[in-house]
Structures are given as C-alpha cells and as structure tokens.
Amino acid sequence: MALQRSLFRRFAPAIAALAAVLAGCSSPPRLPDTTAGYPGSDPDFAQPADPVRSQVVFTAMQMVGVPYRWGGSSPEGFDCSGLVQYAYSNAGLRLPRTAAAQLDASSPVTLENAQAGDLLFFRDGGRTSHVAIYLGEGRFVHAPSTGSHVSLDSFGNAYWRMRFARAGRVATTG
C-alpha cells in the first residue's frame, strides 16, 4: 500500500498532464470552414466582372449540397447542365438544357481568360459529357454524378484536369 501511494505521488503530475492532453484528443472534430473558397471569403478569388455573372455564381453557390439527380433542374436535385441552366435562368438568361447544347451556345475562351460565371466543359471520350460554372483560381461548382451533391472542385483534381475540353462564355448583354 505504501508503494502504491509513493508511485501515485511520484506520477500524479504526469498522469494529470497526460489526462489533459488526451482530453483534447477526445473532443469532437471541428467542422471545416464552409466559407473557405467561396466568392467573397478570399480576396484573391476572381470576382465576376458583371452583375449577371455575379448572380450566376451566387445562385450556383447557394445550391452546394443539393443532391445530384439525373435530369434534375431544380433545387430538389440537379444534374450538371440542369444546375447551369437554373443558375443562368435565375440571372435572367435562357440556356439550352444539355451540356453539348450549352457548349454550342457559348463562345470559346481560354482557361487563362475565363472569368467567374463562365462555363467549363469536360469530355469523356469524344463527346461533351459535363459542364460546370467557373469560380476563378482554377475552382468550379458543379453537380458531378449520381450519388453525390452539388459541390466545389478544382483543376487540382486530376480527373477533371484530364477531361477538360474548353471554357465558354455566355453573352450577358444583348
């Protein structure tokens, strides 16, 4: 018993310090900063040049988290071209429904000259298979695929970088 007391007195400060450190490990993980990477939260983020593109970006960003739904074009669920059509419609512009038709309705721009609110087109094989809304700094918002949600992505992702076809600009003035 005397040995136990002696050991306790000797190691009590170390045990208390260890308990304090481990208590920090047992706290719930912090949620990620959901504003990081959003327009307005980063001074280096490309801001749209005109109010129509600003509205397109704003609308698309509000849809982050909405489930992917093949053929979907409402906040109940979107596919990629449905999200684009919805965001542009909310800004007062009519766009065709499919990614291929949206490609035809846009004017080509280089990725280096792309502005927030421009469209990004991706190919799978020989056909245009996906469209996203550019946010600047290599980032975009899109409805990627079945089982996912409207989300942010970037050209840091090799999948998208390898499938990129071109950027396109939709005329926002008559």
C-alpha atoms as a PDB file:
ATOM      1  CA  MET A   1       0.000   0.000   0.000  1.00  0.00           C
ATOM      2  CA  ALA A   2       2.830   2.386   0.862  1.00  0.00           C
ATOM      3  CA  LEU A   3       4.412   1.580  -2.515  1.00  0.00           C
ATOM      4  CA  GLN A   4       1.153   2.449  -4.311  1.00  0.00           C
ATOM      5  CA  ARG A   5       0.957   5.821  -2.519  1.00  0.00           C
ATOM      6  CA  SER A   6       4.571   6.540  -3.318  1.00  0.00           C
ATOM      7  CA  LEU A   7       4.065   5.726  -7.001  1.00  0.00           C
ATOM      8  CA  PHE A   8       0.865   7.777  -7.106  1.00  0.00           C
ATOM      9  CA  ARG A   9       2.590  10.847  -5.565  1.00  0.00           C
ATOM     10  CA  ARG A  10       5.510  10.454  -7.922  1.00  0.00           C
ATOM     11  CA  PHE A  11       3.465  10.073 -11.114  1.00  0.00           C
ATOM     12  CA  ALA A  12       0.354  12.140 -10.259  1.00  0.00           C
ATOM     13  CA  PRO A  13       1.566  15.301 -12.095  1.00  0.00           C
ATOM     14  CA  ALA A  14       2.489  13.278 -15.196  1.00  0.00           C
ATOM     15  CA  ILE A  15      -0.857  11.446 -15.128  1.00  0.00           C
ATOM     16  CA  ALA A  16      -2.737  14.750 -14.777  1.00  0.00           C
ATOM     17  CA  ALA A  17      -0.818  16.267 -17.700  1.00  0.00           C
ATOM     18  CA  LEU A  18      -1.421  13.183 -19.836  1.00  0.00           C
ATOM     19  CA  ALA A  19      -5.128  13.248 -18.979  1.00  0.00           C
ATOM     20  CA  ALA A  20      -5.340  16.899 -20.027  1.00  0.00           C
ATOM     21  CA  VAL A  21      -3.631  16.176 -23.332  1.00  0.00           C
ATOM     22  CA  LEU A  22      -5.815  13.154 -24.037  1.00  0.00           C
ATOM     23  CA  ALA A  23      -8.949  15.096 -23.169  1.00  0.00           C
ATOM     24  CA  GLY A  24      -8.113  17.428 -26.042  1.00  0.00           C
ATOM     25  CA  CYS A  25      -7.905  14.410 -28.359  1.00  0.00           C
ATOM     26  CA  SER A  26     -11.311  13.195 -27.286  1.00  0.00           C
ATOM     27  CA  SER A  27     -13.111  16.392 -28.183  1.00  0.00           C
ATOM     28  CA  PRO A  28     -15.251  16.209 -31.336  1.00  0.00           C
ATOM     29  CA  PRO A  29     -13.501  17.204 -34.553  1.00  0.00           C
ATOM     30  CA  ARG A  30     -14.002  20.747 -35.712  1.00  0.00           C
ATOM     31  CA  LEU A  31     -16.155  21.224 -38.756  1.00  0.00           C
ATOM     32  CA  PRO A  32     -14.343  22.542 -41.811  1.00  0.00           C
ATOM     33  CA  ASP A  33     -14.610  26.226 -42.619  1.00  0.00           C
ATOM     34  CA  THR A  34     -17.513  26.152 -45.044  1.00  0.00           C
ATOM     35  CA  THR A  35     -16.793  29.663 -46.236  1.00  0.00           C
ATOM     36  CA  ALA A  36     -13.242  28.908 -47.381  1.00  0.00           C
ATOM     37  CA  GLY A  37     -13.002  29.050 -51.136  1.00  0.00           C
ATOM     38  CA  TYR A  38     -16.310  30.812 -51.603  1.00  0.00           C
ATOM     39  CA  PRO A  39     -16.512  34.069 -53.511  1.00  0.00           C
ATOM     40  CA  GLY A  40     -16.162  36.952 -51.106  1.00  0.00           C
ATOM     41  CA  SER A  41     -14.245  34.953 -48.492  1.00  0.00           C
ATOM     42  CA  ASP A  42     -10.910  35.110 -50.316  1.00  0.00           C
ATOM     43  CA  PRO A  43      -9.589  38.440 -51.580  1.00  0.00           C
ATOM     44  CA  ASP A  44      -7.689  36.618 -54.341  1.00  0.00           C
ATOM     45  CA  PHE A  45     -10.860  34.887 -55.586  1.00  0.00           C
ATOM     46  CA  ALA A  46     -11.849  36.061 -59.071  1.00  0.00           C
ATOM     47  CA  GLN A  47     -14.930  38.206 -58.753  1.00  0.00           C
ATOM     48  CA  PRO A  48     -17.354  38.233 -61.684  1.00  0.00           C
ATOM     49  CA  ALA A  49     -16.970  41.237 -63.959  1.00  0.00           C
ATOM     50  CA  ASP A  50     -20.682  41.992 -64.285  1.00  0.00           C
ATOM     51  CA  PRO A  51     -23.831  41.663 -62.177  1.00  0.00           C
ATOM     52  CA  VAL A  52     -25.275  38.861 -64.331  1.00  0.00           C
ATOM     53  CA  ARG A  53     -22.216  36.650 -63.793  1.00  0.00           C
ATOM     54  CA  SER A  54     -22.286  37.598 -60.108  1.00  0.00           C
ATOM     55  CA  GLN A  55     -25.872  36.348 -59.903  1.00  0.00           C
ATOM     56  CA  VAL A  56     -24.965  33.117 -61.746  1.00  0.00           C
ATOM     57  CA  VAL A  57     -22.147  32.404 -59.289  1.00  0.00           C
ATOM     58  CA  PHE A  58     -24.260  33.385 -56.278  1.00  0.00           C
ATOM     59  CA  THR A  59     -27.113  31.101 -57.338  1.00  0.00           C
ATOM     60  CA  ALA A  60     -24.831  28.155 -58.084  1.00  0.00           C
ATOM     61  CA  MET A  61     -23.065  28.538 -54.738  1.00  0.00           C
ATOM     62  CA  GLN A  62     -26.411  28.525 -52.925  1.00  0.00           C
ATOM     63  CA  MET A  63     -27.073  25.106 -54.449  1.00  0.00           C
ATOM     64  CA  VAL A  64     -23.966  23.479 -52.924  1.00  0.00           C
ATOM     65  CA  GLY A  65     -25.171  20.402 -51.055  1.00  0.00           C
ATOM     66  CA  VAL A  66     -28.260  19.802 -53.218  1.00  0.00           C
ATOM     67  CA  PRO A  67     -28.348  16.148 -54.323  1.00  0.00           C
ATOM     68  CA  TYR A  68     -27.418  15.097 -57.828  1.00  0.00           C
ATOM     69  CA  ARG A  69     -30.438  13.911 -59.793  1.00  0.00           C
ATOM     70  CA  TRP A  70     -30.130  12.766 -63.394  1.00  0.00           C
ATOM     71  CA  GLY A  71     -32.285  15.099 -65.496  1.00  0.00           C
ATOM     72  CA  GLY A  72     -32.779  17.392 -62.482  1.00  0.00           C
ATOM     73  CA  SER A  73     -33.033  21.128 -62.940  1.00  0.00           C
ATOM     74  CA  SER A  74     -34.430  22.385 -59.634  1.00  0.00           C
ATOM     75  CA  PRO A  75     -33.246  22.766 -56.037  1.00  0.00           C
ATOM     76  CA  GLU A  76     -34.793  19.348 -55.366  1.00  0.00           C
ATOM     77  CA  GLY A  77     -31.943  17.868 -57.423  1.00  0.00           C
ATOM     78  CA  PHE A  78     -29.630  18.808 -60.296  1.00  0.00           C
ATOM     79  CA  ASP A  79     -27.580  17.198 -62.982  1.00  0.00           C
ATOM     80  CA  CYS A  80     -24.665  19.254 -64.312  1.00  0.00           C
ATOM     81  CA  SER A  81     -26.449  21.042 -67.146  1.00  0.00           C
ATOM     82  CA  GLY A  82     -29.587  21.495 -65.052  1.00  0.00           C
ATOM     83  CA  LEU A  83     -27.552  23.387 -62.441  1.00  0.00           C
ATOM     84  CA  VAL A  84     -26.056  25.621 -65.149  1.00  0.00           C
ATOM     85  CA  GLN A  85     -29.432  26.238 -66.763  1.00  0.00           C
ATOM     86  CA  TYR A  86     -31.005  27.037 -63.374  1.00  0.00           C
ATOM     87  CA  ALA A  87     -28.227  29.448 -62.306  1.00  0.00           C
ATOM     88  CA  TYR A  88     -28.319  31.305 -65.626  1.00  0.00           C
ATOM     89  CA  SER A  89     -32.129  31.378 -65.640  1.00  0.00           C
ATOM     90  CA  ASN A  90     -32.088  32.886 -62.149  1.00  0.00           C
ATOM     91  CA  ALA A  91     -29.853  35.635 -63.597  1.00  0.00           C
ATOM     92  CA  GLY A  92     -32.346  36.262 -66.408  1.00  0.00           C
ATOM     93  CA  LEU A  93     -30.659  34.310 -69.221  1.00  0.00           C
ATOM     94  CA  ARG A  94     -32.006  31.326 -71.118  1.00  0.00           C
ATOM     95  CA  LEU A  95     -29.622  28.480 -71.879  1.00  0.00           C
ATOM     96  CA  PRO A  96     -30.274  25.145 -73.587  1.00  0.00           C
ATOM     97  CA  ARG A  97     -30.721  22.077 -71.404  1.00  0.00           C
ATOM     98  CA  THR A  98     -27.793  19.769 -72.260  1.00  0.00           C
ATOM     99  CA  ALA A  99     -24.049  20.219 -71.771  1.00  0.00           C
ATOM    100  CA  ALA A 100     -23.450  19.770 -75.510  1.00  0.00           C
ATOM    101  CA  ALA A 101     -26.069  22.405 -76.392  1.00  0.00           C
ATOM    102  CA  GLN A 102     -24.639  24.767 -73.746  1.00  0.00           C
ATOM    103  CA  LEU A 103     -21.220  24.305 -75.352  1.00  0.00           C
ATOM    104  CA  ASP A 104     -22.703  25.347 -78.698  1.00  0.00           C
ATOM    105  CA  ALA A 105     -24.391  28.364 -77.063  1.00  0.00           C
ATOM    106  CA  SER A 106     -21.134  29.698 -75.605  1.00  0.00           C
ATOM    107  CA  SER A 107     -18.130  31.412 -77.151  1.00  0.00           C
ATOM    108  CA  PRO A 108     -14.749  29.770 -76.565  1.00  0.00           C
ATOM    109  CA  VAL A 109     -12.357  31.414 -74.103  1.00  0.00           C
ATOM    110  CA  THR A 110      -9.033  30.147 -72.814  1.00  0.00           C
ATOM    111  CA  LEU A 111      -8.936  28.955 -69.239  1.00  0.00           C
ATOM    112  CA  GLU A 112      -6.422  31.733 -68.536  1.00  0.00           C
ATOM    113  CA  ASN A 113      -9.022  34.293 -69.677  1.00  0.00           C
ATOM    114  CA  ALA A 114     -12.006  32.616 -68.056  1.00  0.00           C
ATOM    115  CA  GLN A 115     -13.948  34.696 -65.541  1.00  0.00           C
ATOM    116  CA  ALA A 116     -16.129  33.669 -62.640  1.00  0.00           C
ATOM    117  CA  GLY A 117     -19.509  32.717 -64.104  1.00  0.00           C
ATOM    118  CA  ASP A 118     -18.064  31.282 -67.345  1.00  0.00           C
ATOM    119  CA  LEU A 119     -18.741  27.655 -68.210  1.00  0.00           C
ATOM    120  CA  LEU A 120     -16.253  24.797 -68.180  1.00  0.00           C
ATOM    121  CA  PHE A 121     -16.806  21.818 -70.450  1.00  0.00           C
ATOM    122  CA  PHE A 122     -15.419  18.340 -69.987  1.00  0.00           C
ATOM    123  CA  ARG A 123     -15.221  15.390 -72.360  1.00  0.00           C
ATOM    124  CA  ASP A 124     -15.490  11.685 -71.822  1.00  0.00           C
ATOM    125  CA  GLY A 125     -14.201  10.087 -74.965  1.00  0.00           C
ATOM    126  CA  GLY A 126     -15.279  12.165 -77.943  1.00  0.00           C
ATOM    127  CA  ARG A 127     -18.365  13.807 -76.514  1.00  0.00           C
ATOM    128  CA  THR A 128     -19.039  16.726 -74.204  1.00  0.00           C
ATOM    129  CA  SER A 129     -20.234  14.967 -71.083  1.00  0.00           C
ATOM    130  CA  HIS A 130     -20.092  17.520 -68.285  1.00  0.00           C
ATOM    131  CA  VAL A 131     -20.389  21.248 -67.598  1.00  0.00           C
ATOM    132  CA  ALA A 132     -19.501  23.347 -64.549  1.00  0.00           C
ATOM    133  CA  ILE A 133     -19.559  27.014 -63.537  1.00  0.00           C
ATOM    134  CA  TYR A 134     -16.128  28.571 -63.128  1.00  0.00           C
ATOM    135  CA  LEU A 135     -15.383  30.412 -59.873  1.00  0.00           C
ATOM    136  CA  GLY A 136     -11.831  31.561 -60.610  1.00  0.00           C
ATOM    137  CA  GLU A 137      -8.461  30.394 -59.322  1.00  0.00           C
ATOM    138  CA  GLY A 138      -8.974  27.003 -61.013  1.00  0.00           C
ATOM    139  CA  ARG A 139     -12.104  26.246 -58.960  1.00  0.00           C
ATOM    140  CA  PHE A 140     -15.634  25.487 -60.062  1.00  0.00           C
ATOM    141  CA  VAL A 141     -19.068  24.454 -58.815  1.00  0.00           C
ATOM    142  CA  HIS A 142     -20.906  21.545 -60.408  1.00  0.00           C
ATOM    143  CA  ALA A 143     -23.260  18.607 -59.986  1.00  0.00           C
ATOM    144  CA  PRO A 144     -20.762  15.790 -60.556  1.00  0.00           C
ATOM    145  CA  SER A 145     -22.524  12.425 -60.619  1.00  0.00           C
ATOM    146  CA  THR A 146     -25.145  10.048 -59.272  1.00  0.00           C
ATOM    147  CA  GLY A 147     -24.836   9.592 -55.529  1.00  0.00           C
ATOM    148  CA  SER A 148     -23.139  12.949 -54.992  1.00  0.00           C
ATOM    149  CA  HIS A 149     -24.210  16.537 -54.384  1.00  0.00           C
ATOM    150  CA  VAL A 150     -23.623  19.920 -55.965  1.00  0.00           C
ATOM    151  CA  SER A 151     -20.094  20.684 -54.822  1.00  0.00           C
ATOM    152  CA  LEU A 152     -16.919  22.653 -55.319  1.00  0.00           C
ATOM    153  CA  ASP A 153     -13.989  21.156 -57.185  1.00  0.00           C
ATOM    154  CA  SER A 154     -10.813  22.318 -58.867  1.00  0.00           C
ATOM    155  CA  PHE A 155      -8.304  21.564 -61.558  1.00  0.00           C
ATOM    156  CA  GLY A 156      -6.139  20.246 -58.730  1.00  0.00           C
ATOM    157  CA  ASN A 157      -8.235  17.106 -59.214  1.00  0.00           C
ATOM    158  CA  ALA A 158      -6.517  15.136 -61.998  1.00  0.00           C
ATOM    159  CA  TYR A 159      -9.826  13.563 -63.075  1.00  0.00           C
ATOM    160  CA  TRP A 160     -11.233  16.921 -64.141  1.00  0.00           C
ATOM    161  CA  ARG A 161      -7.940  18.336 -65.380  1.00  0.00           C
ATOM    162  CA  MET A 162      -7.502  15.411 -67.797  1.00  0.00           C
ATOM    163  CA  ARG A 163     -11.055  15.686 -69.151  1.00  0.00           C
ATOM    164  CA  PHE A 164     -11.187  19.461 -69.579  1.00  0.00           C
ATOM    165  CA  ALA A 165     -12.248  20.419 -73.115  1.00  0.00           C
ATOM    166  CA  ARG A 166     -12.644  24.198 -73.020  1.00  0.00           C
ATOM    167  CA  ALA A 167     -14.129  27.188 -71.262  1.00  0.00           C
ATOM    168  CA  GLY A 168     -17.073  29.054 -72.716  1.00  0.00           C
ATOM    169  CA  ARG A 169     -18.621  32.459 -72.194  1.00  0.00           C
ATOM    170  CA  VAL A 170     -22.325  33.163 -72.482  1.00  0.00           C
ATOM    171  CA  ALA A 171     -23.163  36.677 -73.681  1.00  0.00           C
ATOM    172  CA  THR A 172     -24.783  38.550 -70.802  1.00  0.00           C
ATOM    173  CA  THR A 173     -25.820  41.603 -72.805  1.00  0.00           C
ATOM    174  CA  GLY A 174     -27.981  41.911 -75.916  1.00  0.00           C
END
